[in-house]
Amino acid sequence: MSRTIGGLTFTLSGTPVDDDDVITIIANNTAASGDNRNMLLMGGLATSKYVEGERTFSDEYSSLVTNVAVKSRKAQSTANAEKVLLEQATTARDNLQGVNLEEEAIHQQRYQQALQAAAQLVSIADTVFQAMLMATQR
């Protein structure tokens, strides 16, 4: 019995019996061309001037890498210059916006006193509320 699947032909022969071993024989495909024409053509691409008829793929790749490196270095230099300008602008702004520490301390004391007063008010309200609850429970 022979079956062809995906271009491959499988042949089974004989009568199956208990404890049969499956023996697979794979032979060379003698119908294939077996040469390396495609690989030789691919190897020829390395030296042939296919890019605009003047440059090889290797030349074009080298040119591309060089252009990327130059643009990358230029961008890095620009970024460094911008960083220096940002630091200078930040320093100038901070010098104009100086903080008066004495004034900030006075504000902090006022807020602290207001918080203490609010806490006392809550404590008094709690005491009054507890007294009212006790009075109504009698």
Protein backbone atom coordinates (compact mmCIF):
# COMPACT_ATOMS: atom_id res chain seq x y z
CA MET A 1 0.00 0.00 0.00
CA SER A 2 1.41 3.41 -1.00
CA ARG A 3 0.33 6.87 0.13
CA THR A 4 1.53 10.26 -1.13
CA ILE A 5 1.34 13.14 1.34
CA GLY A 6 2.79 16.54 0.54
CA GLY A 7 4.88 15.19 -2.30
CA LEU A 8 6.31 12.35 -0.20
CA THR A 9 5.35 8.74 -1.00
CA PHE A 10 5.10 6.17 1.77
CA THR A 11 4.92 2.44 0.97
CA LEU A 12 3.78 -0.19 3.46
CA SER A 13 4.22 -3.88 2.59
CA GLY A 14 3.75 -7.30 4.19
CA THR A 15 1.15 -8.64 6.57
CA PRO A 16 1.09 -7.13 10.08
CA VAL A 17 1.49 -9.61 12.96
CA ASP A 18 1.74 -9.20 16.73
CA ASP A 19 5.07 -7.76 17.98
CA ASP A 20 5.97 -6.33 14.54
CA ASP A 21 8.72 -3.75 14.52
CA VAL A 22 8.26 -0.75 12.27
CA ILE A 23 11.28 -0.35 10.05
CA THR A 24 11.65 2.96 8.32
CA ILE A 25 13.98 3.28 5.39
CA ILE A 26 14.72 6.75 4.16
CA ALA A 27 16.61 6.94 0.91
CA ASN A 28 18.18 9.89 -0.89
CA ASN A 29 15.93 11.83 -3.17
CA THR A 30 17.56 11.17 -6.52
CA ALA A 31 15.12 13.41 -8.43
CA ALA A 32 16.45 16.66 -6.83
CA SER A 33 18.98 18.80 -8.65
CA GLY A 34 21.47 18.58 -5.74
CA ASP A 35 23.61 21.49 -6.89
CA ASN A 36 24.30 24.75 -5.09
CA ARG A 37 23.24 27.21 -7.80
CA ASN A 38 21.19 29.36 -5.42
CA MET A 39 24.02 29.61 -2.89
CA LEU A 40 26.47 30.60 -5.63
CA LEU A 41 24.05 33.30 -6.81
CA MET A 42 23.67 34.61 -3.25
CA GLY A 43 27.45 34.69 -2.83
CA GLY A 44 27.72 36.68 -6.05
CA LEU A 45 25.49 39.40 -4.59
CA ALA A 46 28.33 40.42 -2.25
CA THR A 47 30.53 41.60 -5.11
CA SER A 48 27.99 42.60 -7.77
CA LYS A 49 27.10 46.28 -8.13
CA TYR A 50 23.32 46.07 -7.86
CA VAL A 51 22.71 49.26 -5.81
CA GLU A 52 22.05 51.97 -8.40
CA GLY A 53 24.48 50.13 -10.66
CA GLU A 54 27.44 51.64 -8.81
CA ARG A 55 27.71 50.07 -5.35
CA THR A 56 27.63 46.59 -3.87
CA PHE A 57 25.33 45.63 -1.02
CA SER A 58 28.38 45.63 1.28
CA ASP A 59 29.26 49.18 0.22
CA GLU A 60 25.68 50.31 0.80
CA TYR A 61 25.56 48.67 4.23
CA SER A 62 28.84 50.34 5.23
CA SER A 63 27.49 53.69 4.06
CA LEU A 64 24.28 53.18 6.02
CA VAL A 65 26.16 52.31 9.23
CA THR A 66 28.40 55.36 8.82
CA ASN A 67 25.42 57.68 8.29
CA VAL A 68 23.67 56.30 11.37
CA ALA A 69 26.82 56.76 13.46
CA VAL A 70 27.30 60.36 12.30
CA LYS A 71 23.66 61.28 12.96
CA SER A 72 23.74 59.56 16.33
CA ARG A 73 26.85 61.48 17.37
CA LYS A 74 25.30 64.75 16.19
CA ALA A 75 22.12 64.05 18.18
CA GLN A 76 24.19 63.23 21.29
CA SER A 77 26.12 66.50 20.97
CA THR A 78 22.88 68.45 20.57
CA ALA A 79 21.38 66.71 23.61
CA ASN A 80 24.44 67.57 25.71
CA ALA A 81 24.25 71.24 24.65
CA GLU A 82 20.53 71.35 25.47
CA LYS A 83 21.21 69.81 28.88
CA VAL A 84 23.71 72.57 29.70
CA LEU A 85 21.20 75.22 28.58
CA LEU A 86 18.49 73.66 30.75
CA GLU A 87 20.77 73.64 33.80
CA GLN A 88 21.64 77.31 33.23
CA ALA A 89 17.98 78.30 32.84
CA THR A 90 17.01 76.34 35.96
CA THR A 91 19.75 77.99 37.99
CA ALA A 92 18.71 81.46 36.77
CA ARG A 93 15.05 80.76 37.64
CA ASP A 94 15.94 79.44 41.10
CA ASN A 95 18.05 82.53 41.80
CA LEU A 96 15.05 84.75 41.02
CA GLN A 97 12.59 82.69 43.07
CA GLY A 98 14.60 82.52 46.30
CA VAL A 99 12.67 81.31 49.37
CA ASN A 100 12.69 83.34 52.59
CA LEU A 101 13.17 80.71 55.31
CA GLU A 102 12.12 83.05 58.14
CA GLU A 103 8.83 83.80 56.39
CA GLU A 104 8.23 80.10 55.82
CA ALA A 105 8.90 79.36 59.54
CA ILE A 106 6.34 82.01 60.57
CA HIS A 107 3.73 80.47 58.24
CA GLN A 108 4.46 77.02 59.63
CA GLN A 109 3.95 78.23 63.22
CA ARG A 110 0.61 79.80 62.27
CA TYR A 111 -0.59 76.56 60.67
CA GLN A 112 0.56 74.58 63.71
CA GLN A 113 -1.34 76.90 66.08
CA ALA A 114 -4.47 76.68 63.91
CA LEU A 115 -4.23 72.87 63.95
CA GLN A 116 -3.90 72.83 67.75
CA ALA A 117 -6.93 75.13 68.11
CA ALA A 118 -8.98 72.89 65.81
CA ALA A 119 -7.95 69.83 67.82
CA GLN A 120 -9.07 71.52 71.06
CA LEU A 121 -12.40 72.44 69.47
CA VAL A 122 -12.96 68.81 68.44
CA SER A 123 -12.06 67.67 71.97
CA ILE A 124 -14.53 70.13 73.54
CA ALA A 125 -17.28 69.08 71.11
CA ASP A 126 -16.62 65.43 71.96
CA THR A 127 -16.84 66.17 75.69
CA VAL A 128 -20.14 68.06 75.25
CA PHE A 129 -21.56 65.30 73.05
CA GLN A 130 -20.56 62.61 75.59
CA ALA A 131 -22.17 64.65 78.39
CA MET A 132 -25.39 64.97 76.37
CA LEU A 133 -25.46 61.23 75.74
CA MET A 134 -24.98 60.50 79.46
CA ALA A 135 -27.76 62.94 80.36
CA THR A 136 -30.23 61.31 77.99
CA GLN A 137 -29.47 57.80 79.21
CA ARG A 138 -30.65 58.49 82.80
